[in-house]
Amino acid sequence: MSQDSKISFKQRIDFGKESSLLVWYPRIKGLPIPQVQTEIAGTGHKPLYDFMVNEKPIPENVYEKMYQAMERIGKYPMFMRTDQSSAKHSWKDTCFLTSKDKLNHNLSFLIENHEMQNMAGELGYEAVVFREFLDLESYFTTDFYGDFPVNKEVRCFIRDGSFVSMHNYWFDDAVKQGHPHDTKWRAKLKKLNTIGKGDKMMIKAHLNLVSPRFQDYWSVDFAKGKNGIWYLIDMARGEVSYHPENVIEKFDDMNSKGLRK
């Protein structure tokens, strides 16, 4: 099962807009969980759209907002996205920003990717977001337009402040389509997709703090750093988030082990 097929076209657009980082990030920013340094440049949609589609120069005041956000991060590489998406499958041309000089190049591909997916208007991006680049647990890369790393990640679902389920983020078919560089990628993916008891407990502890901040249905993505810490890296409305049938664990089982419902 992928995204919820029962929702209407209008609902899909509304849920897409509500999935903006500008909606969910302020709710988790102050929580005592491991945080990814995040700097938001409120560019507005039009300057970015005009830059990519109409080939108009980005206004100097908009550049200044982005440069100031980049300076606050202060270290390259950094992770760049809009409030709606990182277009990470295009990696080196989009979200993996290696220097200030690469800003225009990566931004143009990032916005182009948005516009190709944005026929319905659900990706109405309004900001460029710069984030600390995390050194994540990863054992191999794929082509995906530039040495895209497959990391140890999980996707969790919460509904009305309670836990629902958790599943691995990466699956064999999706990774295979990316043309992995390592011939032993399946064994390494299996290792990435093995979520130990300690990992689950850390994720659950984070969710205990996150879930009360959200009503309705949300997905919550976590990635594990090489330092052993799980970081909340993204969220979206659950109705427009990929959700397979084969979950790792349902949170009913977790709740029965003494976790808060």
C-alpha atoms as a PDB file:
ATOM      1  CA  MET A   1       0.000   0.000   0.000  1.00  0.00           C
ATOM      2  CA  SER A   2       1.307   3.438  -0.841  1.00  0.00           C
ATOM      3  CA  GLN A   3      -0.430   6.730  -0.280  1.00  0.00           C
ATOM      4  CA  ASP A   4      -4.058   6.718   0.848  1.00  0.00           C
ATOM      5  CA  SER A   5      -6.162   6.159  -2.275  1.00  0.00           C
ATOM      6  CA  LYS A   6      -9.395   7.080  -0.493  1.00  0.00           C
ATOM      7  CA  ILE A   7      -8.676  10.776  -0.121  1.00  0.00           C
ATOM      8  CA  SER A   8     -10.012  13.293  -2.608  1.00  0.00           C
ATOM      9  CA  PHE A   9      -7.963  15.378  -5.016  1.00  0.00           C
ATOM     10  CA  LYS A  10      -8.515  18.483  -2.873  1.00  0.00           C
ATOM     11  CA  GLN A  11      -7.525  16.610   0.280  1.00  0.00           C
ATOM     12  CA  ARG A  12      -4.319  15.440  -1.395  1.00  0.00           C
ATOM     13  CA  ILE A  13      -3.409  19.038  -2.191  1.00  0.00           C
ATOM     14  CA  ASP A  14      -4.298  20.238   1.312  1.00  0.00           C
ATOM     15  CA  PHE A  15      -2.365  17.413   2.998  1.00  0.00           C
ATOM     16  CA  GLY A  16       0.593  18.112   0.738  1.00  0.00           C
ATOM     17  CA  LYS A  17       0.663  21.766   1.738  1.00  0.00           C
ATOM     18  CA  GLU A  18       0.294  20.865   5.420  1.00  0.00           C
ATOM     19  CA  SER A  19       3.354  18.616   5.120  1.00  0.00           C
ATOM     20  CA  SER A  20       5.597  21.688   4.774  1.00  0.00           C
ATOM     21  CA  LEU A  21       8.581  21.899   7.121  1.00  0.00           C
ATOM     22  CA  LEU A  22       7.237  25.344   8.005  1.00  0.00           C
ATOM     23  CA  VAL A  23       4.285  23.561   9.648  1.00  0.00           C
ATOM     24  CA  TRP A  24       5.920  20.664  11.474  1.00  0.00           C
ATOM     25  CA  TYR A  25       9.423  21.894  12.330  1.00  0.00           C
ATOM     26  CA  PRO A  26       8.379  24.685  14.759  1.00  0.00           C
ATOM     27  CA  ARG A  27       6.438  22.091  16.742  1.00  0.00           C
ATOM     28  CA  ILE A  28       9.485  19.865  17.339  1.00  0.00           C
ATOM     29  CA  LYS A  29      12.242  22.502  17.431  1.00  0.00           C
ATOM     30  CA  GLY A  30      12.142  23.046  21.195  1.00  0.00           C
ATOM     31  CA  LEU A  31      11.785  19.398  22.194  1.00  0.00           C
ATOM     32  CA  PRO A  32      14.610  17.732  24.184  1.00  0.00           C
ATOM     33  CA  ILE A  33      15.426  15.278  21.411  1.00  0.00           C
ATOM     34  CA  PRO A  34      18.569  15.262  19.222  1.00  0.00           C
ATOM     35  CA  GLN A  35      18.125  18.191  16.853  1.00  0.00           C
ATOM     36  CA  VAL A  36      19.479  18.848  13.375  1.00  0.00           C
ATOM     37  CA  GLN A  37      20.616  22.464  13.077  1.00  0.00           C
ATOM     38  CA  THR A  38      18.087  23.985  10.684  1.00  0.00           C
ATOM     39  CA  GLU A  39      18.127  27.474   9.184  1.00  0.00           C
ATOM     40  CA  ILE A  40      15.161  28.695   7.141  1.00  0.00           C
ATOM     41  CA  ALA A  41      15.381  31.348   4.436  1.00  0.00           C
ATOM     42  CA  GLY A  42      11.866  32.666   3.818  1.00  0.00           C
ATOM     43  CA  THR A  43      12.250  33.299   0.098  1.00  0.00           C
ATOM     44  CA  GLY A  44       8.618  33.034  -0.960  1.00  0.00           C
ATOM     45  CA  HIS A  45       7.550  30.959  -3.928  1.00  0.00           C
ATOM     46  CA  LYS A  46       7.641  33.486  -6.770  1.00  0.00           C
ATOM     47  CA  PRO A  47      11.374  34.379  -6.773  1.00  0.00           C
ATOM     48  CA  LEU A  48      12.314  30.690  -6.946  1.00  0.00           C
ATOM     49  CA  TYR A  49       9.688  29.899  -9.578  1.00  0.00           C
ATOM     50  CA  ASP A  50      10.769  32.870 -11.708  1.00  0.00           C
ATOM     51  CA  PHE A  51      14.427  31.850 -11.354  1.00  0.00           C
ATOM     52  CA  MET A  52      13.795  28.343 -12.649  1.00  0.00           C
ATOM     53  CA  VAL A  53      10.838  28.695 -15.004  1.00  0.00           C
ATOM     54  CA  ASN A  54      11.095  32.266 -16.280  1.00  0.00           C
ATOM     55  CA  GLU A  55      14.910  32.544 -16.059  1.00  0.00           C
ATOM     56  CA  LYS A  56      14.733  35.719 -13.989  1.00  0.00           C
ATOM     57  CA  PRO A  57      17.575  36.616 -11.596  1.00  0.00           C
ATOM     58  CA  ILE A  58      16.927  35.985  -7.923  1.00  0.00           C
ATOM     59  CA  PRO A  59      16.568  39.363  -6.130  1.00  0.00           C
ATOM     60  CA  GLU A  60      19.541  40.372  -3.997  1.00  0.00           C
ATOM     61  CA  ASN A  61      17.463  40.488  -0.809  1.00  0.00           C
ATOM     62  CA  VAL A  62      16.423  36.865  -1.380  1.00  0.00           C
ATOM     63  CA  TYR A  63      20.028  35.834  -1.954  1.00  0.00           C
ATOM     64  CA  GLU A  64      20.958  37.616   1.257  1.00  0.00           C
ATOM     65  CA  LYS A  65      18.422  35.579   3.224  1.00  0.00           C
ATOM     66  CA  MET A  66      19.910  32.361   1.835  1.00  0.00           C
ATOM     67  CA  TYR A  67      23.516  33.462   2.396  1.00  0.00           C
ATOM     68  CA  GLN A  68      22.768  34.396   6.000  1.00  0.00           C
ATOM     69  CA  ALA A  69      21.133  31.008   6.618  1.00  0.00           C
ATOM     70  CA  MET A  70      24.132  29.237   5.065  1.00  0.00           C
ATOM     71  CA  GLU A  71      26.523  31.253   7.246  1.00  0.00           C
ATOM     72  CA  ARG A  72      24.588  30.241  10.358  1.00  0.00           C
ATOM     73  CA  ILE A  73      25.102  26.584   9.433  1.00  0.00           C
ATOM     74  CA  GLY A  74      28.728  27.494   8.833  1.00  0.00           C
ATOM     75  CA  LYS A  75      30.095  24.202   7.529  1.00  0.00           C
ATOM     76  CA  TYR A  76      30.123  22.384   4.201  1.00  0.00           C
ATOM     77  CA  PRO A  77      28.790  20.104   3.000  1.00  0.00           C
ATOM     78  CA  MET A  78      25.334  21.054   4.168  1.00  0.00           C
ATOM     79  CA  PHE A  79      21.898  19.685   3.333  1.00  0.00           C
ATOM     80  CA  MET A  80      19.651  21.964   1.276  1.00  0.00           C
ATOM     81  CA  ARG A  81      15.948  21.521   0.628  1.00  0.00           C
ATOM     82  CA  THR A  82      12.811  23.562   0.327  1.00  0.00           C
ATOM     83  CA  ASP A  83      10.151  23.430   3.008  1.00  0.00           C
ATOM     84  CA  GLN A  84       8.467  20.734   0.897  1.00  0.00           C
ATOM     85  CA  SER A  85      11.164  18.431  -0.463  1.00  0.00           C
ATOM     86  CA  SER A  86      14.876  17.752  -0.851  1.00  0.00           C
ATOM     87  CA  ALA A  87      14.700  15.902  -4.191  1.00  0.00           C
ATOM     88  CA  LYS A  88      17.368  13.701  -2.623  1.00  0.00           C
ATOM     89  CA  HIS A  89      17.433  11.096  -5.395  1.00  0.00           C
ATOM     90  CA  SER A  90      19.227  13.722  -7.466  1.00  0.00           C
ATOM     91  CA  TRP A  91      21.647  14.127  -4.545  1.00  0.00           C
ATOM     92  CA  LYS A  92      24.746  15.949  -5.875  1.00  0.00           C
ATOM     93  CA  ASP A  93      22.612  18.248  -8.041  1.00  0.00           C
ATOM     94  CA  THR A  94      20.040  19.102  -5.374  1.00  0.00           C
ATOM     95  CA  CYS A  95      20.323  18.610  -1.609  1.00  0.00           C
ATOM     96  CA  PHE A  96      24.061  17.864  -1.190  1.00  0.00           C
ATOM     97  CA  LEU A  97      25.496  21.374  -1.179  1.00  0.00           C
ATOM     98  CA  THR A  98      29.304  21.368  -1.130  1.00  0.00           C
ATOM     99  CA  SER A  99      30.015  25.105  -1.362  1.00  0.00           C
ATOM    100  CA  LYS A 100      28.443  28.538  -1.633  1.00  0.00           C
ATOM    101  CA  ASP A 101      29.440  28.600  -5.305  1.00  0.00           C
ATOM    102  CA  LYS A 102      27.170  25.600  -5.976  1.00  0.00           C
ATOM    103  CA  LEU A 103      24.041  27.329  -4.676  1.00  0.00           C
ATOM    104  CA  ASN A 104      22.615  28.373  -8.056  1.00  0.00           C
ATOM    105  CA  HIS A 105      23.358  25.014  -9.655  1.00  0.00           C
ATOM    106  CA  ASN A 106      21.766  22.955  -6.907  1.00  0.00           C
ATOM    107  CA  LEU A 107      18.865  25.347  -6.392  1.00  0.00           C
ATOM    108  CA  SER A 108      17.935  25.256 -10.080  1.00  0.00           C
ATOM    109  CA  PHE A 109      17.794  21.444 -10.096  1.00  0.00           C
ATOM    110  CA  LEU A 110      15.939  21.403  -6.784  1.00  0.00           C
ATOM    111  CA  ILE A 111      13.209  23.743  -8.029  1.00  0.00           C
ATOM    112  CA  GLU A 112      13.041  21.998 -11.387  1.00  0.00           C
ATOM    113  CA  ASN A 113      12.373  18.729  -9.577  1.00  0.00           C
ATOM    114  CA  HIS A 114       9.604  20.400  -7.572  1.00  0.00           C
ATOM    115  CA  GLU A 115       7.928  21.813 -10.642  1.00  0.00           C
ATOM    116  CA  MET A 116       7.995  18.446 -12.407  1.00  0.00           C
ATOM    117  CA  GLN A 117       6.117  16.942  -9.443  1.00  0.00           C
ATOM    118  CA  ASN A 118       3.922  19.942  -8.739  1.00  0.00           C
ATOM    119  CA  MET A 119       1.251  19.723 -11.430  1.00  0.00           C
ATOM    120  CA  ALA A 120      -1.483  19.525  -8.783  1.00  0.00           C
ATOM    121  CA  GLY A 121      -0.050  22.314  -6.637  1.00  0.00           C
ATOM    122  CA  GLU A 122       0.598  20.249  -3.496  1.00  0.00           C
ATOM    123  CA  LEU A 123       4.284  21.231  -3.363  1.00  0.00           C
ATOM    124  CA  GLY A 124       3.767  24.949  -2.931  1.00  0.00           C
ATOM    125  CA  TYR A 125       7.254  25.638  -1.580  1.00  0.00           C
ATOM    126  CA  GLU A 126       7.811  28.950   0.200  1.00  0.00           C
ATOM    127  CA  ALA A 127      11.323  28.681   1.664  1.00  0.00           C
ATOM    128  CA  VAL A 128      14.811  27.297   1.141  1.00  0.00           C
ATOM    129  CA  VAL A 129      16.035  25.357   4.156  1.00  0.00           C
ATOM    130  CA  PHE A 130      19.674  24.691   5.038  1.00  0.00           C
ATOM    131  CA  ARG A 131      20.479  21.940   7.497  1.00  0.00           C
ATOM    132  CA  GLU A 132      23.517  20.535   9.220  1.00  0.00           C
ATOM    133  CA  PHE A 133      24.852  17.592   7.222  1.00  0.00           C
ATOM    134  CA  LEU A 134      24.575  14.465   9.355  1.00  0.00           C
ATOM    135  CA  ASP A 135      27.154  11.695   9.156  1.00  0.00           C
ATOM    136  CA  LEU A 136      24.661   8.834   8.937  1.00  0.00           C
ATOM    137  CA  GLU A 137      25.079   5.081   9.161  1.00  0.00           C
ATOM    138  CA  SER A 138      25.402   3.986   5.545  1.00  0.00           C
ATOM    139  CA  TYR A 139      27.141   1.060   3.827  1.00  0.00           C
ATOM    140  CA  PHE A 140      26.719   1.641   0.094  1.00  0.00           C
ATOM    141  CA  THR A 141      25.675   4.158  -2.546  1.00  0.00           C
ATOM    142  CA  THR A 142      23.519   4.065  -5.670  1.00  0.00           C
ATOM    143  CA  ASP A 143      23.635   5.960  -8.957  1.00  0.00           C
ATOM    144  CA  PHE A 144      20.450   8.010  -8.445  1.00  0.00           C
ATOM    145  CA  TYR A 145      22.140  10.916 -10.234  1.00  0.00           C
ATOM    146  CA  GLY A 146      25.238  11.030  -8.104  1.00  0.00           C
ATOM    147  CA  ASP A 147      26.464   8.578  -5.447  1.00  0.00           C
ATOM    148  CA  PHE A 148      23.303   8.706  -3.370  1.00  0.00           C
ATOM    149  CA  PRO A 149      23.928   7.067   0.052  1.00  0.00           C
ATOM    150  CA  VAL A 150      21.389   4.569   1.374  1.00  0.00           C
ATOM    151  CA  ASN A 151      21.163   5.219   5.122  1.00  0.00           C
ATOM    152  CA  LYS A 152      19.716   3.470   8.136  1.00  0.00           C
ATOM    153  CA  GLU A 153      16.248   5.014   8.309  1.00  0.00           C
ATOM    154  CA  VAL A 154      12.767   4.179   9.521  1.00  0.00           C
ATOM    155  CA  ARG A 155       9.357   5.713   8.974  1.00  0.00           C
ATOM    156  CA  CYS A 156       6.912   5.835  11.871  1.00  0.00           C
ATOM    157  CA  PHE A 157       3.246   6.782  11.887  1.00  0.00           C
ATOM    158  CA  ILE A 158       1.329   8.577  14.611  1.00  0.00           C
ATOM    159  CA  ARG A 159      -2.372   9.367  14.779  1.00  0.00           C
ATOM    160  CA  ASP A 160      -4.044  11.832  17.158  1.00  0.00           C
ATOM    161  CA  GLY A 161      -1.034  11.792  19.474  1.00  0.00           C
ATOM    162  CA  SER A 162      -0.739   7.992  19.647  1.00  0.00           C
ATOM    163  CA  PHE A 163       1.637   5.566  17.952  1.00  0.00           C
ATOM    164  CA  VAL A 164       0.524   3.458  15.001  1.00  0.00           C
ATOM    165  CA  SER A 165       3.401   1.607  13.307  1.00  0.00           C
ATOM    166  CA  MET A 166       6.983   1.633  12.067  1.00  0.00           C
ATOM    167  CA  HIS A 167       8.614   0.293   8.912  1.00  0.00           C
ATOM    168  CA  ASN A 168      11.986   0.419   7.181  1.00  0.00           C
ATOM    169  CA  TYR A 169      12.444   3.314   4.797  1.00  0.00           C
ATOM    170  CA  TRP A 170      14.375   1.447   2.095  1.00  0.00           C
ATOM    171  CA  PHE A 171      13.144  -1.684   0.311  1.00  0.00           C
ATOM    172  CA  ASP A 172      14.861  -4.011  -2.155  1.00  0.00           C
ATOM    173  CA  ASP A 173      12.890  -2.875  -5.206  1.00  0.00           C
ATOM    174  CA  ALA A 174      13.488   0.833  -4.585  1.00  0.00           C
ATOM    175  CA  VAL A 175      17.208   0.342  -4.011  1.00  0.00           C
ATOM    176  CA  LYS A 176      17.564  -1.923  -7.045  1.00  0.00           C
ATOM    177  CA  GLN A 177      16.088   0.805  -9.267  1.00  0.00           C
ATOM    178  CA  GLY A 178      18.888   3.095  -8.103  1.00  0.00           C
ATOM    179  CA  HIS A 179      21.584   0.737  -9.467  1.00  0.00           C
ATOM    180  CA  PRO A 180      23.669   0.101  -6.321  1.00  0.00           C
ATOM    181  CA  HIS A 181      27.430   0.322  -6.777  1.00  0.00           C
ATOM    182  CA  ASP A 182      28.151  -2.543  -4.361  1.00  0.00           C
ATOM    183  CA  THR A 183      27.460  -6.093  -5.566  1.00  0.00           C
ATOM    184  CA  LYS A 184      26.769  -7.124  -1.960  1.00  0.00           C
ATOM    185  CA  TRP A 185      24.159  -4.423  -1.471  1.00  0.00           C
ATOM    186  CA  ARG A 186      21.353  -6.823  -0.488  1.00  0.00           C
ATOM    187  CA  ALA A 187      23.271  -8.138   2.513  1.00  0.00           C
ATOM    188  CA  LYS A 188      24.211  -4.599   3.490  1.00  0.00           C
ATOM    189  CA  LEU A 189      20.623  -3.406   3.098  1.00  0.00           C
ATOM    190  CA  LYS A 190      19.505  -6.225   5.379  1.00  0.00           C
ATOM    191  CA  LYS A 191      21.956  -4.954   7.986  1.00  0.00           C
ATOM    192  CA  LEU A 192      20.681  -1.390   7.551  1.00  0.00           C
ATOM    193  CA  ASN A 193      17.127  -2.634   7.953  1.00  0.00           C
ATOM    194  CA  THR A 194      17.847  -4.531  11.165  1.00  0.00           C
ATOM    195  CA  ILE A 195      16.489  -2.361  13.957  1.00  0.00           C
ATOM    196  CA  GLY A 196      17.772  -3.526  17.329  1.00  0.00           C
ATOM    197  CA  LYS A 197      16.061  -3.269  20.687  1.00  0.00           C
ATOM    198  CA  GLY A 198      18.161  -0.277  21.719  1.00  0.00           C
ATOM    199  CA  ASP A 199      17.336   1.487  18.454  1.00  0.00           C
ATOM    200  CA  LYS A 200      13.635   0.925  18.953  1.00  0.00           C
ATOM    201  CA  MET A 201      13.754   2.215  22.496  1.00  0.00           C
ATOM    202  CA  MET A 202      15.503   5.413  21.399  1.00  0.00           C
ATOM    203  CA  ILE A 203      12.980   5.986  18.594  1.00  0.00           C
ATOM    204  CA  LYS A 204      10.085   5.333  20.956  1.00  0.00           C
ATOM    205  CA  ALA A 205      11.504   7.769  23.512  1.00  0.00           C
ATOM    206  CA  HIS A 206      11.651  10.472  20.855  1.00  0.00           C
ATOM    207  CA  LEU A 207       8.115   9.704  19.711  1.00  0.00           C
ATOM    208  CA  ASN A 208       6.841   9.928  23.277  1.00  0.00           C
ATOM    209  CA  LEU A 209       7.800  13.600  23.123  1.00  0.00           C
ATOM    210  CA  VAL A 210       6.847  14.278  19.507  1.00  0.00           C
ATOM    211  CA  SER A 211       3.431  12.642  19.257  1.00  0.00           C
ATOM    212  CA  PRO A 212       1.566  14.888  21.748  1.00  0.00           C
ATOM    213  CA  ARG A 213       2.439  17.887  19.548  1.00  0.00           C
ATOM    214  CA  PHE A 214       0.484  16.507  16.578  1.00  0.00           C
ATOM    215  CA  GLN A 215      -3.135  15.692  15.981  1.00  0.00           C
ATOM    216  CA  ASP A 216      -4.496  13.829  12.954  1.00  0.00           C
ATOM    217  CA  TYR A 217      -2.290  11.403  11.013  1.00  0.00           C
ATOM    218  CA  TRP A 218       1.445  11.985  10.439  1.00  0.00           C
ATOM    219  CA  SER A 219       4.524  10.144   9.268  1.00  0.00           C
ATOM    220  CA  VAL A 220       7.768  10.717  11.176  1.00  0.00           C
ATOM    221  CA  ASP A 221      11.106   9.788   9.571  1.00  0.00           C
ATOM    222  CA  PHE A 222      14.211   8.995  11.627  1.00  0.00           C
ATOM    223  CA  ALA A 223      17.800   8.362  10.482  1.00  0.00           C
ATOM    224  CA  LYS A 224      20.629   6.904  12.564  1.00  0.00           C
ATOM    225  CA  GLY A 225      23.952   8.709  12.815  1.00  0.00           C
ATOM    226  CA  LYS A 226      27.288   6.930  12.982  1.00  0.00           C
ATOM    227  CA  ASN A 227      27.358   8.243  16.545  1.00  0.00           C
ATOM    228  CA  GLY A 228      24.477   5.854  17.355  1.00  0.00           C
ATOM    229  CA  ILE A 229      21.889   8.623  17.720  1.00  0.00           C
ATOM    230  CA  TRP A 230      18.544   8.599  15.904  1.00  0.00           C
ATOM    231  CA  TYR A 231      17.544  11.979  14.464  1.00  0.00           C
ATOM    232  CA  LEU A 232      14.080  13.098  13.383  1.00  0.00           C
ATOM    233  CA  ILE A 233      14.750  14.254   9.817  1.00  0.00           C
ATOM    234  CA  ASP A 234      11.329  14.716   8.215  1.00  0.00           C
ATOM    235  CA  MET A 235       7.585  14.624   8.721  1.00  0.00           C
ATOM    236  CA  ALA A 236       4.488  14.690   6.508  1.00  0.00           C
ATOM    237  CA  ARG A 237       0.796  14.043   6.692  1.00  0.00           C
ATOM    238  CA  GLY A 238       0.295  10.295   6.818  1.00  0.00           C
ATOM    239  CA  GLU A 239      -2.339  10.338   4.101  1.00  0.00           C
ATOM    240  CA  VAL A 240       0.291  11.361   1.515  1.00  0.00           C
ATOM    241  CA  SER A 241       3.189   9.282   2.893  1.00  0.00           C
ATOM    242  CA  TYR A 242       4.303   5.896   1.563  1.00  0.00           C
ATOM    243  CA  HIS A 243       3.178   3.103   3.864  1.00  0.00           C
ATOM    244  CA  PRO A 244       3.683  -0.599   2.978  1.00  0.00           C
ATOM    245  CA  GLU A 245       1.806  -3.507   4.443  1.00  0.00           C
ATOM    246  CA  ASN A 246       4.887  -5.207   5.904  1.00  0.00           C
ATOM    247  CA  VAL A 247       5.572  -3.043   8.963  1.00  0.00           C
ATOM    248  CA  ILE A 248       8.455  -3.818  11.319  1.00  0.00           C
ATOM    249  CA  GLU A 249       6.320  -3.483  14.386  1.00  0.00           C
ATOM    250  CA  LYS A 250       2.934  -2.145  15.287  1.00  0.00           C
ATOM    251  CA  PHE A 251       2.895   0.220  18.177  1.00  0.00           C
ATOM    252  CA  ASP A 252       0.153  -1.808  19.843  1.00  0.00           C
ATOM    253  CA  ASP A 253       2.942  -4.274  20.570  1.00  0.00           C
ATOM    254  CA  MET A 254       5.188  -1.473  21.806  1.00  0.00           C
ATOM    255  CA  ASN A 255       2.441  -0.072  24.009  1.00  0.00           C
ATOM    256  CA  SER A 256       1.857  -3.491  25.539  1.00  0.00           C
ATOM    257  CA  LYS A 257       5.485  -3.391  26.741  1.00  0.00           C
ATOM    258  CA  GLY A 258       4.799  -0.411  28.941  1.00  0.00           C
ATOM    259  CA  LEU A 259       5.084   2.546  26.563  1.00  0.00           C
ATOM    260  CA  ARG A 260       2.617   5.389  26.679  1.00  0.00           C
ATOM    261  CA  LYS A 261      -0.433   4.973  24.471  1.00  0.00           C
END
